[in-house]
Each structure stands twice: as C-alpha cells, then as structure tokens.
C-alpha cells in the first residue's frame, strides 16, 4: 500500500508539472498575441482575440481571432496537435513550425459566424510584427522544449 501511495504522489506531481508547463506556454503565446496588431497576413483590419490560445485535453493547440475591416468582420481559427510542433521560427511573423501540414485553418465569410476549413499548412502563426521578436522566439522555444517532454 505504501508503494501505491508513492506512485500516486509521483504521478500527481507529473500531472501538475504538465499543467504548469502548459500554462506557462499558453501565457507566453497569449501575451505575444495581445501585443500584436496582426496574427496572419491573409487578413486586413483591426484584430481582436475571440478565443485565446488554449490546449485541449487531446493536446490540440488552438486560437481564434477576429478582424474588423470597416465594419466587415472575419473570424479565423488555427488548430494543430502540440506533439507535432517542430520548432519556433521568427521572420516577420512568430510561427510554430510543423514538419507536415498539421495546422488546420478555419475562416468565416465576412459578417458570418460559421467557420469553415479553408486550408492546412505547416505554419501556425502566432503574431506580427513584434518588438524584440528574436528574443520572444528564443523564450518561446525554451518553453516549447519544456512542454514537449509531456507530448512524446
């Protein structure tokens, strides 16, 4: 019985560590997104966050943003499995890079709330343009490496 209790404590500690690591990663992503005026170059207008970055119980990372261009609203959602992220990249946009097109992109038509799948690719856009983009890339890469221990 003592062995079972010790195992339970260890398992519980691992679960708490995973949750804490996910929260740190999500906090970093959401802070970066809040500081940005744009998430993806395909969309025009003022961006606002509909649903911040989240990780589902199945390990799917997602975010939904809204663009308001002169009263015409378009929503865009990106989602992809955490365990398939290869690395963090930064050029003009901060991006999570995947080896294959695991990133599903859903968009609405202007003024519509219904999201429809419009593309799949290997880049999960986080934000742009960024102040200290390369520094944020490095910080996010470190958090990603911690997180990936739980998604092997």
C-alpha atoms as a PDB file:
ATOM      1  CA  UNK A   1       0.000   0.000   0.000  1.00  0.00           C
ATOM      2  CA  UNK A   2       2.863   2.387   0.680  1.00  0.00           C
ATOM      3  CA  UNK A   3       4.243   1.736  -2.805  1.00  0.00           C
ATOM      4  CA  UNK A   4       0.896   2.564  -4.378  1.00  0.00           C
ATOM      5  CA  UNK A   5       0.726   5.827  -2.411  1.00  0.00           C
ATOM      6  CA  UNK A   6       4.218   6.804  -3.518  1.00  0.00           C
ATOM      7  CA  UNK A   7       3.323   6.042  -7.121  1.00  0.00           C
ATOM      8  CA  UNK A   8       0.193   8.157  -6.820  1.00  0.00           C
ATOM      9  CA  UNK A   9       2.150  11.098  -5.442  1.00  0.00           C
ATOM     10  CA  UNK A  10       4.716  10.850  -8.255  1.00  0.00           C
ATOM     11  CA  UNK A  11       2.021  10.583 -10.906  1.00  0.00           C
ATOM     12  CA  UNK A  12       0.175  13.543  -9.407  1.00  0.00           C
ATOM     13  CA  UNK A  13       3.373  15.635  -9.373  1.00  0.00           C
ATOM     14  CA  UNK A  14       3.980  14.845 -13.060  1.00  0.00           C
ATOM     15  CA  UNK A  15       0.407  15.865 -13.895  1.00  0.00           C
ATOM     16  CA  UNK A  16       0.817  19.145 -12.006  1.00  0.00           C
ATOM     17  CA  UNK A  17       4.121  19.818 -13.787  1.00  0.00           C
ATOM     18  CA  UNK A  18       2.499  19.272 -17.179  1.00  0.00           C
ATOM     19  CA  UNK A  19      -0.351  21.637 -16.320  1.00  0.00           C
ATOM     20  CA  UNK A  20       2.069  24.285 -15.049  1.00  0.00           C
ATOM     21  CA  UNK A  21       4.239  23.955 -18.171  1.00  0.00           C
ATOM     22  CA  UNK A  22       1.175  24.221 -20.442  1.00  0.00           C
ATOM     23  CA  UNK A  23       0.033  27.319 -18.555  1.00  0.00           C
ATOM     24  CA  UNK A  24       3.453  28.975 -18.959  1.00  0.00           C
ATOM     25  CA  UNK A  25       3.487  28.216 -22.693  1.00  0.00           C
ATOM     26  CA  UNK A  26      -0.072  29.491 -23.174  1.00  0.00           C
ATOM     27  CA  UNK A  27       0.608  32.628 -21.125  1.00  0.00           C
ATOM     28  CA  UNK A  28       3.597  33.430 -23.342  1.00  0.00           C
ATOM     29  CA  UNK A  29       1.592  32.841 -26.550  1.00  0.00           C
ATOM     30  CA  UNK A  30      -1.340  34.953 -25.339  1.00  0.00           C
ATOM     31  CA  UNK A  31       0.905  37.796 -24.152  1.00  0.00           C
ATOM     32  CA  UNK A  32       2.600  37.896 -27.555  1.00  0.00           C
ATOM     33  CA  UNK A  33      -0.759  37.829 -29.364  1.00  0.00           C
ATOM     34  CA  UNK A  34      -2.164  40.649 -27.185  1.00  0.00           C
ATOM     35  CA  UNK A  35       0.855  42.832 -28.029  1.00  0.00           C
ATOM     36  CA  UNK A  36       0.399  42.261 -31.761  1.00  0.00           C
ATOM     37  CA  UNK A  37      -1.756  44.085 -34.273  1.00  0.00           C
ATOM     38  CA  UNK A  38      -1.913  41.123 -36.650  1.00  0.00           C
ATOM     39  CA  UNK A  39      -1.719  37.340 -36.484  1.00  0.00           C
ATOM     40  CA  UNK A  40      -1.624  36.454 -40.181  1.00  0.00           C
ATOM     41  CA  UNK A  41      -1.050  38.426 -43.383  1.00  0.00           C
ATOM     42  CA  UNK A  42      -4.164  36.972 -45.055  1.00  0.00           C
ATOM     43  CA  UNK A  43      -6.424  39.250 -43.022  1.00  0.00           C
ATOM     44  CA  UNK A  44      -6.982  43.008 -43.023  1.00  0.00           C
ATOM     45  CA  UNK A  45      -8.400  45.294 -40.380  1.00  0.00           C
ATOM     46  CA  UNK A  46      -8.205  45.645 -36.627  1.00  0.00           C
ATOM     47  CA  UNK A  47      -7.536  42.326 -34.906  1.00  0.00           C
ATOM     48  CA  UNK A  48      -9.111  41.255 -31.627  1.00  0.00           C
ATOM     49  CA  UNK A  49      -8.957  37.940 -29.800  1.00  0.00           C
ATOM     50  CA  UNK A  50     -12.112  35.813 -29.855  1.00  0.00           C
ATOM     51  CA  UNK A  51     -10.638  32.809 -28.028  1.00  0.00           C
ATOM     52  CA  UNK A  52      -7.095  32.960 -26.663  1.00  0.00           C
ATOM     53  CA  UNK A  53      -4.571  30.187 -27.180  1.00  0.00           C
ATOM     54  CA  UNK A  54      -5.803  27.002 -25.498  1.00  0.00           C
ATOM     55  CA  UNK A  55      -4.685  23.380 -25.319  1.00  0.00           C
ATOM     56  CA  UNK A  56      -7.498  20.828 -25.370  1.00  0.00           C
ATOM     57  CA  UNK A  57      -7.480  17.601 -23.365  1.00  0.00           C
ATOM     58  CA  UNK A  58      -6.491  15.855 -26.613  1.00  0.00           C
ATOM     59  CA  UNK A  59      -3.397  18.065 -26.946  1.00  0.00           C
ATOM     60  CA  UNK A  60      -4.704  20.362 -29.674  1.00  0.00           C
ATOM     61  CA  UNK A  61      -3.446  23.954 -29.615  1.00  0.00           C
ATOM     62  CA  UNK A  62      -5.946  26.492 -30.932  1.00  0.00           C
ATOM     63  CA  UNK A  63      -6.669  30.200 -31.173  1.00  0.00           C
ATOM     64  CA  UNK A  64      -9.463  32.256 -32.755  1.00  0.00           C
ATOM     65  CA  UNK A  65      -9.107  35.897 -33.745  1.00  0.00           C
ATOM     66  CA  UNK A  66     -11.440  38.408 -35.349  1.00  0.00           C
ATOM     67  CA  UNK A  67     -10.630  41.094 -37.893  1.00  0.00           C
ATOM     68  CA  UNK A  68     -12.845  44.158 -38.266  1.00  0.00           C
ATOM     69  CA  UNK A  69     -12.266  45.922 -41.581  1.00  0.00           C
ATOM     70  CA  UNK A  70     -14.617  48.913 -41.909  1.00  0.00           C
ATOM     71  CA  UNK A  71     -17.483  47.077 -40.201  1.00  0.00           C
ATOM     72  CA  UNK A  72     -16.932  43.792 -42.026  1.00  0.00           C
ATOM     73  CA  UNK A  73     -15.942  41.110 -39.514  1.00  0.00           C
ATOM     74  CA  UNK A  74     -13.999  37.963 -40.410  1.00  0.00           C
ATOM     75  CA  UNK A  75     -13.090  35.281 -37.868  1.00  0.00           C
ATOM     76  CA  UNK A  76     -10.077  32.986 -38.239  1.00  0.00           C
ATOM     77  CA  UNK A  77      -9.183  29.899 -36.214  1.00  0.00           C
ATOM     78  CA  UNK A  78      -5.980  27.847 -36.282  1.00  0.00           C
ATOM     79  CA  UNK A  79      -5.517  24.485 -34.584  1.00  0.00           C
ATOM     80  CA  UNK A  80      -2.847  21.792 -34.540  1.00  0.00           C
ATOM     81  CA  UNK A  81      -1.533  18.976 -32.339  1.00  0.00           C
ATOM     82  CA  UNK A  82       1.118  20.103 -29.839  1.00  0.00           C
ATOM     83  CA  UNK A  83       3.106  16.884 -30.241  1.00  0.00           C
ATOM     84  CA  UNK A  84       3.753  17.653 -33.922  1.00  0.00           C
ATOM     85  CA  UNK A  85       5.431  21.052 -33.373  1.00  0.00           C
ATOM     86  CA  UNK A  86       8.981  21.014 -34.695  1.00  0.00           C
ATOM     87  CA  UNK A  87      10.278  24.432 -33.571  1.00  0.00           C
ATOM     88  CA  UNK A  88       9.594  28.155 -33.186  1.00  0.00           C
ATOM     89  CA  UNK A  89      10.544  30.470 -36.074  1.00  0.00           C
ATOM     90  CA  UNK A  90      10.663  34.239 -36.415  1.00  0.00           C
ATOM     91  CA  UNK A  91      10.932  36.363 -39.533  1.00  0.00           C
ATOM     92  CA  UNK A  92       8.188  38.945 -39.916  1.00  0.00           C
ATOM     93  CA  UNK A  93       5.845  36.635 -38.000  1.00  0.00           C
ATOM     94  CA  UNK A  94       6.416  34.478 -34.953  1.00  0.00           C
ATOM     95  CA  UNK A  95       5.473  30.977 -36.067  1.00  0.00           C
ATOM     96  CA  UNK A  96       5.232  27.434 -34.747  1.00  0.00           C
ATOM     97  CA  UNK A  97       6.726  25.230 -37.458  1.00  0.00           C
ATOM     98  CA  UNK A  98       5.482  21.706 -38.180  1.00  0.00           C
ATOM     99  CA  UNK A  99       7.146  19.088 -40.411  1.00  0.00           C
ATOM    100  CA  UNK A 100       3.907  18.476 -42.305  1.00  0.00           C
ATOM    101  CA  UNK A 101       0.675  20.435 -42.862  1.00  0.00           C
ATOM    102  CA  UNK A 102      -0.861  19.621 -39.460  1.00  0.00           C
ATOM    103  CA  UNK A 103      -2.184  23.164 -38.967  1.00  0.00           C
ATOM    104  CA  UNK A 104      -5.850  23.440 -39.867  1.00  0.00           C
ATOM    105  CA  UNK A 105      -7.154  26.912 -40.669  1.00  0.00           C
ATOM    106  CA  UNK A 106     -10.828  27.828 -40.457  1.00  0.00           C
ATOM    107  CA  UNK A 107     -12.271  31.150 -41.565  1.00  0.00           C
ATOM    108  CA  UNK A 108     -15.662  32.765 -41.773  1.00  0.00           C
ATOM    109  CA  UNK A 109     -17.018  34.754 -44.655  1.00  0.00           C
ATOM    110  CA  UNK A 110     -17.342  38.482 -43.884  1.00  0.00           C
ATOM    111  CA  UNK A 111     -20.207  39.031 -41.447  1.00  0.00           C
ATOM    112  CA  UNK A 112     -20.806  35.292 -40.893  1.00  0.00           C
ATOM    113  CA  UNK A 113     -20.127  33.429 -37.634  1.00  0.00           C
ATOM    114  CA  UNK A 114     -19.765  29.975 -39.218  1.00  0.00           C
ATOM    115  CA  UNK A 115     -16.137  28.858 -39.524  1.00  0.00           C
ATOM    116  CA  UNK A 116     -15.238  26.583 -42.430  1.00  0.00           C
ATOM    117  CA  UNK A 117     -11.950  24.825 -43.045  1.00  0.00           C
ATOM    118  CA  UNK A 118     -10.103  26.784 -45.714  1.00  0.00           C
ATOM    119  CA  UNK A 119      -6.529  25.492 -45.567  1.00  0.00           C
ATOM    120  CA  UNK A 120      -3.960  23.194 -43.968  1.00  0.00           C
ATOM    121  CA  UNK A 121      -0.287  24.047 -43.792  1.00  0.00           C
ATOM    122  CA  UNK A 122       2.834  23.634 -41.683  1.00  0.00           C
ATOM    123  CA  UNK A 123       2.923  27.129 -40.133  1.00  0.00           C
ATOM    124  CA  UNK A 124       0.905  28.128 -37.063  1.00  0.00           C
ATOM    125  CA  UNK A 125       1.080  31.932 -36.991  1.00  0.00           C
ATOM    126  CA  UNK A 126       1.240  33.493 -33.556  1.00  0.00           C
ATOM    127  CA  UNK A 127       1.700  37.207 -34.181  1.00  0.00           C
ATOM    128  CA  UNK A 128       3.424  40.049 -36.040  1.00  0.00           C
ATOM    129  CA  UNK A 129       5.084  42.484 -36.120  1.00  0.00           C
ATOM    130  CA  UNK A 130       6.850  42.163 -32.801  1.00  0.00           C
ATOM    131  CA  UNK A 131       9.121  44.283 -30.693  1.00  0.00           C
ATOM    132  CA  UNK A 132      12.055  42.072 -29.641  1.00  0.00           C
ATOM    133  CA  UNK A 133      10.841  39.303 -31.950  1.00  0.00           C
ATOM    134  CA  UNK A 134      14.044  37.269 -31.838  1.00  0.00           C
ATOM    135  CA  UNK A 135      14.096  37.433 -28.040  1.00  0.00           C
ATOM    136  CA  UNK A 136      10.487  36.229 -27.923  1.00  0.00           C
ATOM    137  CA  UNK A 137      11.376  33.444 -30.367  1.00  0.00           C
ATOM    138  CA  UNK A 138      14.123  32.211 -28.045  1.00  0.00           C
ATOM    139  CA  UNK A 139      11.918  32.420 -24.922  1.00  0.00           C
ATOM    140  CA  UNK A 140       9.065  30.590 -26.634  1.00  0.00           C
ATOM    141  CA  UNK A 141      11.449  27.901 -27.952  1.00  0.00           C
ATOM    142  CA  UNK A 142      12.654  27.246 -24.395  1.00  0.00           C
ATOM    143  CA  UNK A 143       9.070  26.917 -23.148  1.00  0.00           C
ATOM    144  CA  UNK A 144       8.234  24.642 -26.072  1.00  0.00           C
ATOM    145  CA  UNK A 145      11.159  22.344 -25.257  1.00  0.00           C
ATOM    146  CA  UNK A 146       9.909  22.015 -21.665  1.00  0.00           C
ATOM    147  CA  UNK A 147       6.397  21.311 -22.911  1.00  0.00           C
ATOM    148  CA  UNK A 148       7.432  18.701 -25.474  1.00  0.00           C
ATOM    149  CA  UNK A 149       8.658  16.405 -22.682  1.00  0.00           C
ATOM    150  CA  UNK A 150       4.980  15.748 -21.951  1.00  0.00           C
ATOM    151  CA  UNK A 151       3.958  15.207 -25.590  1.00  0.00           C
ATOM    152  CA  UNK A 152       6.306  12.466 -26.788  1.00  0.00           C
END
